[in-house]
Amino acid sequence: MGMLEKRVNVVCGHYGVGKTNLSINLAVDCARDGEDVTLIDMDVVNPYFRSADYAEELEAMGVRVIGPNYASTNLDTPSLPASVPAAIEDGGRVIIDVGGDDAGATALGVYARVIKAADPEVLYVVNRYRSLTTEPEEAVSVMEEVQRASGLRATCIVNNSHLKGETTAGTVEASVPFAEEVCRITGLPLRFTAVPRGVRLLNKRLTIYPVDAYVRAPWEQQV
């Protein structure tokens, strides 16, 4: 799949930057391209935004999902299943959705050895409009916390700056200098900029990844 350069891909970042929705989009697009893809949900922190909560829908689209035990129960102490290492090693495309910040990345650290052996891409996701990471230096600080907790180093930056349903072309384009400054500080490349499908940017030099909105909070869902 064009946006992913490695077989194993780790998606990490600050709470609320949109990691889960991005991970789901990447997994679904891989499946649509005919790939054998597994989405591993390592978010054992946030009870509201978990890839595993969309397992039935994703598996219908050809995505295998491995998530925390009790992922749909909102229990405070979920655990990750023993099938994670085998999934990483089996040769198919793997996308790992990591919980936010250092607390979420700690679960990732349990599998650092097997993940490192797979030579992964570690995509650090930034969102200029997410509180506590509105400045490039703040985003870099969180990245360093994630790296320490996980034992893995980021290999690229993904700009996922958005305001949910209120996102416009101007919203995304105004975030580009922020993402570019994160890249400058870290020395990492900007892999792509995620844009809600249907939003068209004037900036033609950006590598654009169109995304759909799969993830919604319980209070945003229709009853």
Foldseek 3Di string as FASTA:
>chain_A
DVLFDAQEEEEAFAPPLCLLQVLLQVQLVCVVVVFQEEEEWLALADLWRTNVVCQVVSVVSRYHYFYWVCSNPSDNGTHGDPCVLVVLPVPTRYYYRFHHFLVRLLNLQVCLVSNVVRVYAYEYEDACPDPQPVALVSRVVRQVRSCVNNVDHHAAYEYAHADPPVGALVRQVVCVVRRVVNCVVVVHYHSFYEDAPPHDHPPPVGHYDHGHDPGDGPVPDDD
